[in-house]
Amino acid sequence: MYQAIQLNPYDPNIASYYWALGSSKLVSGRIDEAATLLEKARASNPRLFFVHLWLAAPLALRDELDEARSALAQSLKLKPEINSLARWRSAYPWYANPQFVALAKPTLYAGLRRADFPEE
């Protein structure tokens, strides 16, 4: 991914690259790197609801709760039907995969809960 970004920094899909890198850093516990990459994803394409949702988690884990809640609010504005963890898992079943949940629980899901994203 890093090489793809370096080779074509104007790729119209660059936000997806930054999101993929940031999400992998988040679930591996590299909170600061995740926040930086997810902020780049958001700056590259602010119309992607899931980027805002994922960004809320590392921001909350860094005690940047106002910013985390703002990211959640933007996610809800873009995709109002994804208004809880249950709705997200229902709409995107891979987020309910037990292996993913075990990996994401201490980072992604903990951060979203801390930012007041409801369970149900």
C-alpha atoms as a PDB file:
ATOM      1  CA  MET A   1       0.000   0.000   0.000  1.00  0.00           C
ATOM      2  CA  TYR A   2       2.717   2.469   0.909  1.00  0.00           C
ATOM      3  CA  GLN A   3       4.327   1.843  -2.456  1.00  0.00           C
ATOM      4  CA  ALA A   4       1.024   2.415  -4.267  1.00  0.00           C
ATOM      5  CA  ILE A   5       0.649   5.750  -2.482  1.00  0.00           C
ATOM      6  CA  GLN A   6       4.203   6.745  -3.361  1.00  0.00           C
ATOM      7  CA  LEU A   7       3.822   5.732  -6.997  1.00  0.00           C
ATOM      8  CA  ASN A   8       0.558   7.589  -7.493  1.00  0.00           C
ATOM      9  CA  PRO A   9      -0.206  10.119  -4.756  1.00  0.00           C
ATOM     10  CA  TYR A  10      -3.089  11.498  -6.867  1.00  0.00           C
ATOM     11  CA  ASP A  11      -4.900   8.168  -7.254  1.00  0.00           C
ATOM     12  CA  PRO A  12      -8.643   8.828  -6.856  1.00  0.00           C
ATOM     13  CA  ASN A  13      -8.835   5.801  -4.548  1.00  0.00           C
ATOM     14  CA  ILE A  14      -6.016   6.910  -2.251  1.00  0.00           C
ATOM     15  CA  ALA A  15      -8.436   7.331   0.663  1.00  0.00           C
ATOM     16  CA  SER A  16      -9.079   3.590   0.542  1.00  0.00           C
ATOM     17  CA  TYR A  17      -5.355   2.904   0.732  1.00  0.00           C
ATOM     18  CA  TYR A  18      -4.955   5.161   3.753  1.00  0.00           C
ATOM     19  CA  TRP A  19      -8.040   3.568   5.350  1.00  0.00           C
ATOM     20  CA  ALA A  20      -6.683   0.043   4.802  1.00  0.00           C
ATOM     21  CA  LEU A  21      -3.335   0.985   6.318  1.00  0.00           C
ATOM     22  CA  GLY A  22      -4.926   2.886   9.188  1.00  0.00           C
ATOM     23  CA  SER A  23      -7.405   0.161  10.030  1.00  0.00           C
ATOM     24  CA  SER A  24      -4.657  -2.455  10.118  1.00  0.00           C
ATOM     25  CA  LYS A  25      -2.553  -0.254  12.391  1.00  0.00           C
ATOM     26  CA  LEU A  26      -5.557   0.258  14.685  1.00  0.00           C
ATOM     27  CA  VAL A  27      -6.367  -3.416  15.162  1.00  0.00           C
ATOM     28  CA  SER A  28      -2.684  -4.115  15.750  1.00  0.00           C
ATOM     29  CA  GLY A  29      -2.662  -1.560  18.564  1.00  0.00           C
ATOM     30  CA  ARG A  30      -0.646   1.178  16.861  1.00  0.00           C
ATOM     31  CA  ILE A  31      -3.073   3.926  17.814  1.00  0.00           C
ATOM     32  CA  ASP A  32      -1.096   7.028  16.852  1.00  0.00           C
ATOM     33  CA  GLU A  33      -0.132   5.637  13.439  1.00  0.00           C
ATOM     34  CA  ALA A  34      -3.739   4.576  12.881  1.00  0.00           C
ATOM     35  CA  ALA A  35      -5.050   8.047  13.693  1.00  0.00           C
ATOM     36  CA  THR A  36      -2.560   9.700  11.333  1.00  0.00           C
ATOM     37  CA  LEU A  37      -3.397   7.384   8.434  1.00  0.00           C
ATOM     38  CA  LEU A  38      -7.143   7.573   9.010  1.00  0.00           C
ATOM     39  CA  GLU A  39      -6.951  11.368   9.137  1.00  0.00           C
ATOM     40  CA  LYS A  40      -5.199  11.252   5.757  1.00  0.00           C
ATOM     41  CA  ALA A  41      -7.972   8.994   4.463  1.00  0.00           C
ATOM     42  CA  ARG A  42     -10.592  11.448   5.691  1.00  0.00           C
ATOM     43  CA  ALA A  43      -8.767  14.391   4.107  1.00  0.00           C
ATOM     44  CA  SER A  44      -8.476  12.484   0.828  1.00  0.00           C
ATOM     45  CA  ASN A  45     -12.179  11.641   0.677  1.00  0.00           C
ATOM     46  CA  PRO A  46     -14.477  12.981   3.406  1.00  0.00           C
ATOM     47  CA  ARG A  47     -17.505  11.315   1.774  1.00  0.00           C
ATOM     48  CA  LEU A  48     -16.636   7.807   3.018  1.00  0.00           C
ATOM     49  CA  PHE A  49     -18.685   7.177   6.169  1.00  0.00           C
ATOM     50  CA  PHE A  50     -16.555   4.242   7.291  1.00  0.00           C
ATOM     51  CA  VAL A  51     -13.390   6.336   7.405  1.00  0.00           C
ATOM     52  CA  HIS A  52     -15.021   8.673   9.932  1.00  0.00           C
ATOM     53  CA  LEU A  53     -16.290   5.690  11.920  1.00  0.00           C
ATOM     54  CA  TRP A  54     -12.882   4.044  12.078  1.00  0.00           C
ATOM     55  CA  LEU A  55     -11.176   7.355  12.868  1.00  0.00           C
ATOM     56  CA  ALA A  56     -13.394   7.864  15.901  1.00  0.00           C
ATOM     57  CA  ALA A  57     -11.818   4.859  17.638  1.00  0.00           C
ATOM     58  CA  PRO A  58      -8.153   5.933  17.789  1.00  0.00           C
ATOM     59  CA  LEU A  59      -9.184   9.491  18.598  1.00  0.00           C
ATOM     60  CA  ALA A  60     -11.227   8.260  21.561  1.00  0.00           C
ATOM     61  CA  LEU A  61      -8.410   5.974  22.687  1.00  0.00           C
ATOM     62  CA  ARG A  62      -6.117   9.028  22.702  1.00  0.00           C
ATOM     63  CA  ASP A  63      -8.654  10.868  24.890  1.00  0.00           C
ATOM     64  CA  GLU A  64      -9.573  13.216  22.055  1.00  0.00           C
ATOM     65  CA  LEU A  65     -13.243  12.642  22.817  1.00  0.00           C
ATOM     66  CA  ASP A  66     -14.656  15.784  21.200  1.00  0.00           C
ATOM     67  CA  GLU A  67     -12.887  14.954  17.937  1.00  0.00           C
ATOM     68  CA  ALA A  68     -13.956  11.301  18.177  1.00  0.00           C
ATOM     69  CA  ARG A  69     -17.598  12.271  18.687  1.00  0.00           C
ATOM     70  CA  SER A  70     -17.350  14.710  15.811  1.00  0.00           C
ATOM     71  CA  ALA A  71     -16.047  11.921  13.564  1.00  0.00           C
ATOM     72  CA  LEU A  72     -18.955   9.720  14.674  1.00  0.00           C
ATOM     73  CA  ALA A  73     -21.418  12.527  13.967  1.00  0.00           C
ATOM     74  CA  GLN A  74     -20.012  12.912  10.463  1.00  0.00           C
ATOM     75  CA  SER A  75     -20.257   9.164   9.901  1.00  0.00           C
ATOM     76  CA  LEU A  76     -23.912   9.241  10.992  1.00  0.00           C
ATOM     77  CA  LYS A  77     -24.593  12.218   8.746  1.00  0.00           C
ATOM     78  CA  LEU A  78     -23.226  10.306   5.759  1.00  0.00           C
ATOM     79  CA  LYS A  79     -24.869   6.969   6.599  1.00  0.00           C
ATOM     80  CA  PRO A  80     -27.574   7.396   9.271  1.00  0.00           C
ATOM     81  CA  GLU A  81     -28.642   3.751   9.219  1.00  0.00           C
ATOM     82  CA  ILE A  82     -25.280   2.713  10.718  1.00  0.00           C
ATOM     83  CA  ASN A  83     -26.055   4.125  14.159  1.00  0.00           C
ATOM     84  CA  SER A  84     -24.831   1.317  16.439  1.00  0.00           C
ATOM     85  CA  LEU A  85     -22.356  -1.527  16.548  1.00  0.00           C
ATOM     86  CA  ALA A  86     -25.238  -3.976  16.085  1.00  0.00           C
ATOM     87  CA  ARG A  87     -26.433  -2.206  12.912  1.00  0.00           C
ATOM     88  CA  TRP A  88     -22.866  -2.038  11.578  1.00  0.00           C
ATOM     89  CA  ARG A  89     -22.303  -5.753  12.156  1.00  0.00           C
ATOM     90  CA  SER A  90     -25.670  -6.549  10.595  1.00  0.00           C
ATOM     91  CA  ALA A  91     -24.968  -4.486   7.481  1.00  0.00           C
ATOM     92  CA  TYR A  92     -21.367  -5.689   7.172  1.00  0.00           C
ATOM     93  CA  PRO A  93     -21.216  -9.240   8.596  1.00  0.00           C
ATOM     94  CA  TRP A  94     -17.421  -9.500   8.396  1.00  0.00           C
ATOM     95  CA  TYR A  95     -17.271  -7.102  11.364  1.00  0.00           C
ATOM     96  CA  ALA A  96     -19.055  -9.792  13.394  1.00  0.00           C
ATOM     97  CA  ASN A  97     -16.593 -12.527  12.459  1.00  0.00           C
ATOM     98  CA  PRO A  98     -15.317 -13.959  15.772  1.00  0.00           C
ATOM     99  CA  GLN A  99     -11.675 -13.751  14.712  1.00  0.00           C
ATOM    100  CA  PHE A 100     -12.064 -10.115  13.695  1.00  0.00           C
ATOM    101  CA  VAL A 101     -14.013  -9.268  16.862  1.00  0.00           C
ATOM    102  CA  ALA A 102     -11.262 -10.760  19.030  1.00  0.00           C
ATOM    103  CA  LEU A 103      -8.668  -8.678  17.194  1.00  0.00           C
ATOM    104  CA  ALA A 104     -10.724  -5.463  17.122  1.00  0.00           C
ATOM    105  CA  LYS A 105     -12.245  -5.601  20.606  1.00  0.00           C
ATOM    106  CA  PRO A 106      -9.413  -3.845  22.509  1.00  0.00           C
ATOM    107  CA  THR A 107      -8.960  -1.112  19.901  1.00  0.00           C
ATOM    108  CA  LEU A 108     -11.696  -0.473  17.337  1.00  0.00           C
ATOM    109  CA  TYR A 109     -14.675  -1.522  19.426  1.00  0.00           C
ATOM    110  CA  ALA A 110     -13.266  -0.133  22.683  1.00  0.00           C
ATOM    111  CA  GLY A 111     -12.613   3.220  21.028  1.00  0.00           C
ATOM    112  CA  LEU A 112     -16.059   3.388  19.439  1.00  0.00           C
ATOM    113  CA  ARG A 113     -17.704   2.611  22.771  1.00  0.00           C
ATOM    114  CA  ARG A 114     -15.584   5.246  24.467  1.00  0.00           C
ATOM    115  CA  ALA A 115     -16.769   7.760  21.846  1.00  0.00           C
ATOM    116  CA  ASP A 116     -20.358   6.833  22.811  1.00  0.00           C
ATOM    117  CA  PHE A 117     -21.195   4.755  19.750  1.00  0.00           C
ATOM    118  CA  PRO A 118     -24.002   2.559  21.108  1.00  0.00           C
ATOM    119  CA  GLU A 119     -23.947  -1.223  21.179  1.00  0.00           C
ATOM    120  CA  GLU A 120     -27.584  -1.559  20.089  1.00  0.00           C
END
